């Protein structure tokens, strides 16, 4: 196993989480919310999880410049220099390249985990074991790995990873190499029939956006498959980890291509591997996904509320501000969310419309509702 001092974690915390509107808003997005009612935000839970993988000095938060203060408020022991601020929203490839090239100037032997800040992982011990396996494999091989989630249903809301057994990889990492699978393709979110076929085939996984690789391996991939990104961020090699880094990023970062790491690298490279994982995962992308995993009452209602009276109400997701009381009668399969400024009452079966509805509210009534 590689030494933890060579392990680094990049936590992606710059998204808006618009499908969790109105609780998740531009000024206070989902990753900063105690969406599970545990007393801690999703970002705080993610940060604490990765303290088992590396020291806090090796955890970097990638976020938008507008969220710098929120990160500092929620992660009191984070090093200020470890909060990397994106001056523009250019998708995941540029911000991952920025962090990777910065880390390489500190430690050429670095191994990196990239993970979203707003996902739920119920089986943390299993998750950490899979991450350690992937780090060990990446440390010894020129491989880009993704943690693939074993599907439990034909879900049309996730991208999929197709894999095959790779006999050549089995003896490269002693002890757990049979879990390493060769990725043959990434699939876009499918229609239901295709999702059912993926599930039945047994060699497809959900793409959770959790990646593991050696920093130098990813840099080589940028050189080969995304030279524009490589050239831009390499030009800052002498400035990273100095007082001139922030100025360089402010000036150059907005010129980087707006592209995801999937399109820039993963769908082009031929050294992509995956580790199937059953880790109790949810991307918590929607209110319904939270309802699916949360504790329910006898009528299948999930509620985060102090004072609530329900009658003839079932299969609902209810989220109220602290101190707000509610009386609800006669609802079935609804989302009820009150954030003081906005009240949302919407059929749970139609929740995919919420993102568009939130845009309409902004267009009609102003940016205070974004």
Protein backbone atom coordinates (compact mmCIF):
# COMPACT_ATOMS: atom_id res chain seq x y z
CA UNK A 1 0.00 0.00 0.00
CA UNK A 2 1.26 3.45 -0.85
CA UNK A 3 2.09 5.83 1.96
CA UNK A 4 -0.76 8.14 2.95
CA UNK A 5 1.57 11.13 2.60
CA UNK A 6 1.34 10.59 -1.17
CA UNK A 7 -2.46 10.51 -1.12
CA UNK A 8 -4.39 13.66 -2.03
CA UNK A 9 -8.14 14.25 -2.26
CA UNK A 10 -9.87 16.81 -4.47
CA UNK A 11 -13.40 17.54 -3.26
CA UNK A 12 -15.55 19.14 -5.95
CA UNK A 13 -17.76 21.72 -4.24
CA UNK A 14 -18.63 24.29 -6.88
CA UNK A 15 -22.04 23.14 -8.12
CA UNK A 16 -25.41 24.79 -7.58
CA UNK A 17 -27.61 21.71 -7.04
CA UNK A 18 -30.56 23.27 -8.84
CA UNK A 19 -32.76 20.15 -8.61
CA UNK A 20 -32.87 20.68 -4.82
CA UNK A 21 -34.48 24.09 -5.32
CA UNK A 22 -35.68 25.96 -3.35
CA UNK A 23 -33.53 24.66 -0.49
CA UNK A 24 -30.44 24.72 -2.69
CA UNK A 25 -29.91 28.21 -4.13
CA UNK A 26 -27.07 30.03 -5.88
CA UNK A 27 -25.99 31.72 -2.64
CA UNK A 28 -26.21 28.52 -0.55
CA UNK A 29 -26.10 25.38 -2.69
CA UNK A 30 -26.80 21.81 -1.70
CA UNK A 31 -23.30 20.79 -0.57
CA UNK A 32 -23.46 23.36 2.26
CA UNK A 33 -26.90 22.29 3.50
CA UNK A 34 -27.66 19.82 6.28
CA UNK A 35 -29.93 18.04 3.83
CA UNK A 36 -29.93 14.77 5.84
CA UNK A 37 -30.84 16.40 9.16
CA UNK A 38 -27.66 15.11 10.85
CA UNK A 39 -26.37 18.48 12.03
CA UNK A 40 -23.64 18.45 9.37
CA UNK A 41 -23.62 19.50 5.74
CA UNK A 42 -22.82 17.12 2.89
CA UNK A 43 -19.48 18.90 2.44
CA UNK A 44 -18.59 18.39 6.10
CA UNK A 45 -19.48 14.70 5.92
CA UNK A 46 -17.38 14.24 2.77
CA UNK A 47 -14.38 16.05 4.26
CA UNK A 48 -14.48 13.94 7.43
CA UNK A 49 -14.76 10.74 5.38
CA UNK A 50 -11.54 11.46 3.52
CA UNK A 51 -9.52 12.18 6.64
CA UNK A 52 -9.22 8.38 6.72
CA UNK A 53 -7.40 8.46 3.37
CA UNK A 54 -4.91 11.29 3.83
CA UNK A 55 -3.90 14.07 6.24
CA UNK A 56 -5.95 17.25 6.19
CA UNK A 57 -3.02 19.06 4.57
CA UNK A 58 -3.62 16.90 1.47
CA UNK A 59 -7.33 17.63 1.07
CA UNK A 60 -8.14 20.36 -1.45
CA UNK A 61 -11.57 21.90 -1.95
CA UNK A 62 -12.36 22.96 -5.52
CA UNK A 63 -15.14 25.54 -5.51
CA UNK A 64 -16.41 28.70 -7.09
CA UNK A 65 -14.99 31.99 -5.84
CA UNK A 66 -18.46 32.90 -4.49
CA UNK A 67 -18.34 30.05 -1.98
CA UNK A 68 -14.96 30.72 -0.36
CA UNK A 69 -16.47 32.03 2.88
CA UNK A 70 -18.95 29.15 3.12
CA UNK A 71 -16.11 26.62 2.85
CA UNK A 72 -14.12 28.42 5.56
CA UNK A 73 -17.15 28.58 7.85
CA UNK A 74 -17.95 24.88 7.51
CA UNK A 75 -14.42 23.42 7.45
CA UNK A 76 -12.75 25.27 10.30
CA UNK A 77 -9.45 23.38 10.08
CA UNK A 78 -9.05 23.53 6.30
CA UNK A 79 -5.89 25.28 5.15
CA UNK A 80 -6.78 28.50 3.33
CA UNK A 81 -4.30 27.64 0.57
CA UNK A 82 -6.18 24.35 0.05
CA UNK A 83 -9.34 26.14 -1.05
CA UNK A 84 -8.91 26.45 -4.81
CA UNK A 85 -11.24 29.09 -6.22
CA UNK A 86 -12.54 28.88 -9.79
CA UNK A 87 -12.99 32.39 -11.22
CA UNK A 88 -15.40 30.97 -13.83
CA UNK A 89 -17.56 27.86 -14.21
CA UNK A 90 -15.68 25.85 -16.86
CA UNK A 91 -16.79 22.34 -15.89
CA UNK A 92 -14.64 19.64 -14.29
CA UNK A 93 -11.63 19.15 -16.59
CA UNK A 94 -10.02 22.59 -16.01
CA UNK A 95 -10.44 22.57 -12.23
CA UNK A 96 -9.08 19.02 -11.95
CA UNK A 97 -6.12 19.99 -14.16
CA UNK A 98 -5.43 23.07 -12.03
CA UNK A 99 -5.37 21.08 -8.80
CA UNK A 100 -3.35 18.24 -10.33
CA UNK A 101 -0.61 20.47 -11.76
CA UNK A 102 -0.44 22.38 -8.47
CA UNK A 103 -0.05 19.13 -6.51
CA UNK A 104 2.63 17.83 -8.90
CA UNK A 105 4.81 20.82 -8.02
CA UNK A 106 4.62 19.74 -4.38
CA UNK A 107 4.83 15.97 -4.81
CA UNK A 108 5.65 14.24 -8.13
CA UNK A 109 4.63 10.90 -6.56
CA UNK A 110 1.14 12.08 -5.63
CA UNK A 111 -1.91 9.84 -6.01
CA UNK A 112 -5.24 11.64 -6.26
CA UNK A 113 -8.87 10.88 -5.44
CA UNK A 114 -11.46 13.15 -7.06
CA UNK A 115 -14.92 13.10 -5.46
CA UNK A 116 -18.11 15.17 -5.39
CA UNK A 117 -18.90 16.99 -2.16
CA UNK A 118 -22.61 16.23 -2.10
CA UNK A 119 -23.04 12.45 -2.32
CA UNK A 120 -24.32 10.04 0.30
CA UNK A 121 -22.28 6.94 1.18
CA UNK A 122 -23.88 4.67 3.77
CA UNK A 123 -21.25 1.89 3.77
CA UNK A 124 -18.22 4.04 4.56
CA UNK A 125 -15.94 1.17 5.57
CA UNK A 126 -16.50 -0.58 2.23
CA UNK A 127 -16.04 2.70 0.39
CA UNK A 128 -12.71 3.44 2.07
CA UNK A 129 -11.49 -0.08 1.34
CA UNK A 130 -12.30 0.33 -2.37
CA UNK A 131 -10.56 3.71 -2.47
CA UNK A 132 -7.43 2.23 -0.88
CA UNK A 133 -7.43 -0.59 -3.43
CA UNK A 134 -7.73 1.90 -6.27
CA UNK A 135 -4.95 4.10 -4.87
CA UNK A 136 -2.63 1.11 -4.61
CA UNK A 137 -3.40 0.09 -8.18
CA UNK A 138 -2.92 3.62 -9.52
CA UNK A 139 0.35 3.93 -7.64
CA UNK A 140 1.79 0.89 -9.42
CA UNK A 141 0.18 1.22 -12.86
CA UNK A 142 -0.40 3.86 -15.52
CA UNK A 143 -4.16 3.64 -15.05
CA UNK A 144 -7.07 6.01 -14.62
CA UNK A 145 -9.68 4.47 -12.34
CA UNK A 146 -13.30 5.22 -11.58
CA UNK A 147 -15.33 3.79 -8.75
CA UNK A 148 -18.34 2.15 -10.37
CA UNK A 149 -21.54 1.72 -8.38
CA UNK A 150 -23.24 -1.67 -8.59
CA UNK A 151 -26.72 -0.84 -9.94
CA UNK A 152 -29.76 -1.87 -7.93
CA UNK A 153 -32.42 -0.82 -10.44
CA UNK A 154 -32.71 0.26 -14.11
CA UNK A 155 -32.17 3.93 -13.34
CA UNK A 156 -32.41 6.39 -16.24
CA UNK A 157 -30.91 9.27 -14.27
CA UNK A 158 -27.31 8.03 -14.24
CA UNK A 159 -24.62 7.49 -16.81
CA UNK A 160 -23.27 3.94 -17.03
CA UNK A 161 -19.83 2.32 -17.23
CA UNK A 162 -19.40 -0.79 -19.39
CA UNK A 163 -16.57 -3.10 -18.36
CA UNK A 164 -14.99 -6.45 -19.19
CA UNK A 165 -12.79 -8.82 -17.27
CA UNK A 166 -9.16 -7.89 -17.98
CA UNK A 167 -6.99 -10.96 -17.45
CA UNK A 168 -3.82 -8.93 -17.87
CA UNK A 169 -4.57 -6.74 -14.88
CA UNK A 170 -5.14 -9.54 -12.40
CA UNK A 171 -1.60 -10.00 -11.19
CA UNK A 172 -0.50 -6.37 -11.13
CA UNK A 173 -1.60 -5.64 -7.57
CA UNK A 174 -1.32 -8.52 -5.19
CA UNK A 175 -4.30 -9.29 -3.02
CA UNK A 176 -7.28 -7.60 -4.69
CA UNK A 177 -6.46 -7.33 -8.38
CA UNK A 178 -9.45 -9.44 -9.46
CA UNK A 179 -11.67 -6.48 -8.56
CA UNK A 180 -10.02 -4.27 -11.18
CA UNK A 181 -12.08 -4.26 -14.38
CA UNK A 182 -11.20 -2.82 -17.79
CA UNK A 183 -13.62 -0.11 -18.94
CA UNK A 184 -14.74 -0.43 -22.55
CA UNK A 185 -17.22 2.45 -22.76
CA UNK A 186 -19.05 5.19 -20.93
CA UNK A 187 -22.77 5.36 -21.71
CA UNK A 188 -25.03 8.41 -21.53
CA UNK A 189 -28.20 8.35 -19.41
CA UNK A 190 -30.32 5.67 -21.12
CA UNK A 191 -33.99 5.16 -21.84
CA UNK A 192 -35.71 2.73 -19.49
CA UNK A 193 -35.51 -0.29 -21.82
CA UNK A 194 -31.79 0.16 -22.30
CA UNK A 195 -31.26 0.70 -18.57
CA UNK A 196 -33.07 -2.59 -17.94
CA UNK A 197 -30.79 -4.32 -20.46
CA UNK A 198 -27.72 -2.83 -18.75
CA UNK A 199 -28.92 -4.16 -15.40
CA UNK A 200 -29.58 -7.64 -16.75
CA UNK A 201 -26.23 -7.89 -18.56
CA UNK A 202 -24.27 -7.73 -15.32
CA UNK A 203 -21.30 -5.78 -16.69
CA UNK A 204 -22.57 -2.22 -16.32
CA UNK A 205 -22.09 0.12 -13.36
CA UNK A 206 -23.41 3.55 -12.47
CA UNK A 207 -20.94 6.36 -13.04
CA UNK A 208 -20.62 8.17 -9.71
CA UNK A 209 -17.96 10.65 -10.78
CA UNK A 210 -15.42 9.33 -8.26
CA UNK A 211 -11.95 9.00 -9.82
CA UNK A 212 -8.55 7.73 -8.68
CA UNK A 213 -5.21 8.12 -10.44
CA UNK A 214 -1.58 9.00 -10.08
CA UNK A 215 -1.12 12.72 -10.73
CA UNK A 216 1.57 12.05 -13.32
CA UNK A 217 -0.71 9.59 -15.18
CA UNK A 218 -3.43 12.21 -15.45
CA UNK A 219 -0.96 14.84 -16.61
CA UNK A 220 0.19 12.49 -19.37
CA UNK A 221 -3.46 12.01 -20.36
CA UNK A 222 -3.98 15.77 -20.58
CA UNK A 223 -0.83 16.04 -22.74
CA UNK A 224 -2.20 13.39 -25.12
CA UNK A 225 -5.93 14.05 -25.21
CA UNK A 226 -6.44 17.67 -24.09
CA UNK A 227 -3.28 19.57 -25.09
CA UNK A 228 -4.99 22.97 -24.85
CA UNK A 229 -5.70 22.38 -21.16
CA UNK A 230 -2.25 20.92 -20.60
CA UNK A 231 -0.48 23.89 -22.17
CA UNK A 232 -2.53 26.45 -20.24
CA UNK A 233 -1.98 24.93 -16.79
CA UNK A 234 1.63 23.92 -17.40
CA UNK A 235 2.39 27.57 -18.03
CA UNK A 236 1.75 28.14 -14.33
CA UNK A 237 4.17 25.49 -13.06
CA UNK A 238 6.64 28.04 -11.69
CA UNK A 239 3.83 29.98 -9.97
CA UNK A 240 1.88 27.24 -8.18
CA UNK A 241 2.22 27.30 -4.39
CA UNK A 242 3.59 30.86 -4.51
CA UNK A 243 2.01 34.29 -3.97
CA UNK A 244 1.61 34.59 -7.75
CA UNK A 245 -0.65 31.55 -8.17
CA UNK A 246 -3.94 33.39 -7.50
CA UNK A 247 -3.18 36.09 -10.07
CA UNK A 248 -2.25 33.50 -12.69
CA UNK A 249 -5.49 31.57 -12.15
CA UNK A 250 -7.62 34.71 -12.16
CA UNK A 251 -6.13 35.72 -15.52
CA UNK A 252 -5.75 32.38 -17.31
CA UNK A 253 -8.43 30.08 -15.92
CA UNK A 254 -11.41 31.68 -17.74
CA UNK A 255 -9.67 30.95 -21.06
CA UNK A 256 -9.67 27.19 -20.41
CA UNK A 257 -12.14 25.04 -22.40
CA UNK A 258 -15.54 24.43 -20.82
CA UNK A 259 -15.47 20.63 -20.78
CA UNK A 260 -15.97 17.76 -18.35
CA UNK A 261 -13.20 15.35 -17.39
CA UNK A 262 -15.32 12.59 -18.94
CA UNK A 263 -15.33 14.17 -22.41
CA UNK A 264 -11.80 15.59 -22.21
CA UNK A 265 -10.02 12.43 -21.03
CA UNK A 266 -12.02 9.41 -19.92
CA UNK A 267 -13.95 8.76 -23.14
CA UNK A 268 -10.72 8.97 -25.17
CA UNK A 269 -8.11 7.17 -23.09
CA UNK A 270 -7.42 3.43 -23.35
CA UNK A 271 -6.13 2.91 -19.80
CA UNK A 272 -9.44 3.32 -17.94
CA UNK A 273 -10.31 0.83 -15.21
CA UNK A 274 -13.08 0.50 -12.67
CA UNK A 275 -13.73 -1.17 -9.33
CA UNK A 276 -17.34 -2.28 -8.81
CA UNK A 277 -18.61 -1.09 -5.45
CA UNK A 278 -21.71 -1.64 -3.33
CA UNK A 279 -21.30 1.26 -0.92
CA UNK A 280 -24.85 2.44 -0.21
CA UNK A 281 -24.39 5.31 -2.63
CA UNK A 282 -26.73 8.05 -3.76
CA UNK A 283 -25.85 11.22 -5.61
CA UNK A 284 -28.74 12.94 -3.80
CA UNK A 285 -29.49 14.65 -7.07
CA UNK A 286 -33.19 15.17 -6.43
CA UNK A 287 -35.74 15.31 -3.63
CA UNK A 288 -37.00 11.88 -4.70
CA UNK A 289 -33.51 10.38 -4.38
CA UNK A 290 -33.34 11.72 -0.82
CA UNK A 291 -36.79 10.29 -0.11
CA UNK A 292 -35.65 6.90 -1.40
CA UNK A 293 -32.84 6.52 1.14
CA UNK A 294 -34.19 8.43 4.15
CA UNK A 295 -35.98 6.97 7.18
CA UNK A 296 -39.75 6.90 6.64
CA UNK A 297 -42.83 6.78 8.82
CA UNK A 298 -45.55 4.13 8.46
CA UNK A 299 -47.09 6.05 5.56
CA UNK A 300 -43.73 6.28 3.72
CA UNK A 301 -43.41 10.00 4.50
CA UNK A 302 -40.00 11.56 5.02
CA UNK A 303 -39.95 14.84 6.91
CA UNK A 304 -37.39 17.21 8.35
CA UNK A 305 -39.64 19.27 10.59
CA UNK A 306 -40.03 19.94 14.31
CA UNK A 307 -43.80 20.41 14.53
CA UNK A 308 -45.90 18.64 11.94
CA UNK A 309 -49.40 17.13 11.86
CA UNK A 310 -50.05 14.73 8.99
CA UNK A 311 -53.33 13.03 8.10
CA UNK A 312 -54.33 11.04 5.03
CA UNK A 313 -50.86 11.86 3.66
CA UNK A 314 -48.44 9.29 2.27
CA UNK A 315 -45.22 8.90 0.29
CA UNK A 316 -44.31 12.58 0.67
CA UNK A 317 -41.01 14.45 1.10
CA UNK A 318 -41.45 17.35 3.56
CA UNK A 319 -38.74 19.83 4.54
CA UNK A 320 -39.52 22.83 6.75
CA UNK A 321 -37.42 25.56 8.40
CA UNK A 322 -36.59 25.33 12.08
CA UNK A 323 -39.51 26.58 14.16
CA UNK A 324 -42.07 26.26 11.35
CA UNK A 325 -45.20 24.21 12.08
CA UNK A 326 -47.29 22.56 9.40
CA UNK A 327 -50.64 20.78 9.11
CA UNK A 328 -50.93 18.67 5.96
CA UNK A 329 -53.92 16.57 4.89
CA UNK A 330 -54.68 14.65 1.74
CA UNK A 331 -51.36 14.67 -0.10
CA UNK A 332 -50.01 11.61 -1.91
CA UNK A 333 -46.54 11.45 -3.52
CA UNK A 334 -45.71 15.15 -3.11
CA UNK A 335 -42.68 17.28 -2.33
CA UNK A 336 -43.28 20.06 0.20
CA UNK A 337 -40.30 22.35 0.81
CA UNK A 338 -40.38 25.70 2.61
CA UNK A 339 -37.20 27.77 2.85
CA UNK A 340 -38.97 30.90 4.18
CA UNK A 341 -38.60 32.82 0.91
CA UNK A 342 -40.02 30.12 -1.36
CA UNK A 343 -42.67 27.46 -0.75
CA UNK A 344 -42.64 24.50 -3.16
CA UNK A 345 -45.53 22.02 -3.32
CA UNK A 346 -44.98 19.72 -6.29
CA UNK A 347 -45.81 16.15 -7.38
CA UNK A 348 -42.83 13.94 -6.66
CA UNK A 349 -43.41 12.07 -9.91
CA UNK A 350 -42.82 15.31 -11.83
CA UNK A 351 -39.76 16.50 -9.92
CA UNK A 352 -37.58 16.60 -13.04
CA UNK A 353 -39.53 19.75 -13.91
CA UNK A 354 -38.35 21.63 -10.81
CA UNK A 355 -35.12 22.85 -12.40
CA UNK A 356 -37.08 24.47 -15.24
CA UNK A 357 -39.68 25.86 -12.82
CA UNK A 358 -36.94 27.53 -10.77
CA UNK A 359 -35.64 29.22 -13.93
CA UNK A 360 -39.14 30.48 -14.73
CA UNK A 361 -39.45 31.97 -11.25
CA UNK A 362 -36.18 33.84 -11.74
CA UNK A 363 -37.23 35.13 -15.15
CA UNK A 364 -40.64 36.30 -13.91
CA UNK A 365 -39.86 37.58 -10.42
CA UNK A 366 -36.12 38.22 -10.15
CA UNK A 367 -32.73 36.76 -9.26
CA UNK A 368 -33.53 36.63 -5.54
CA UNK A 369 -35.26 33.32 -6.28
CA UNK A 370 -32.26 31.72 -8.00
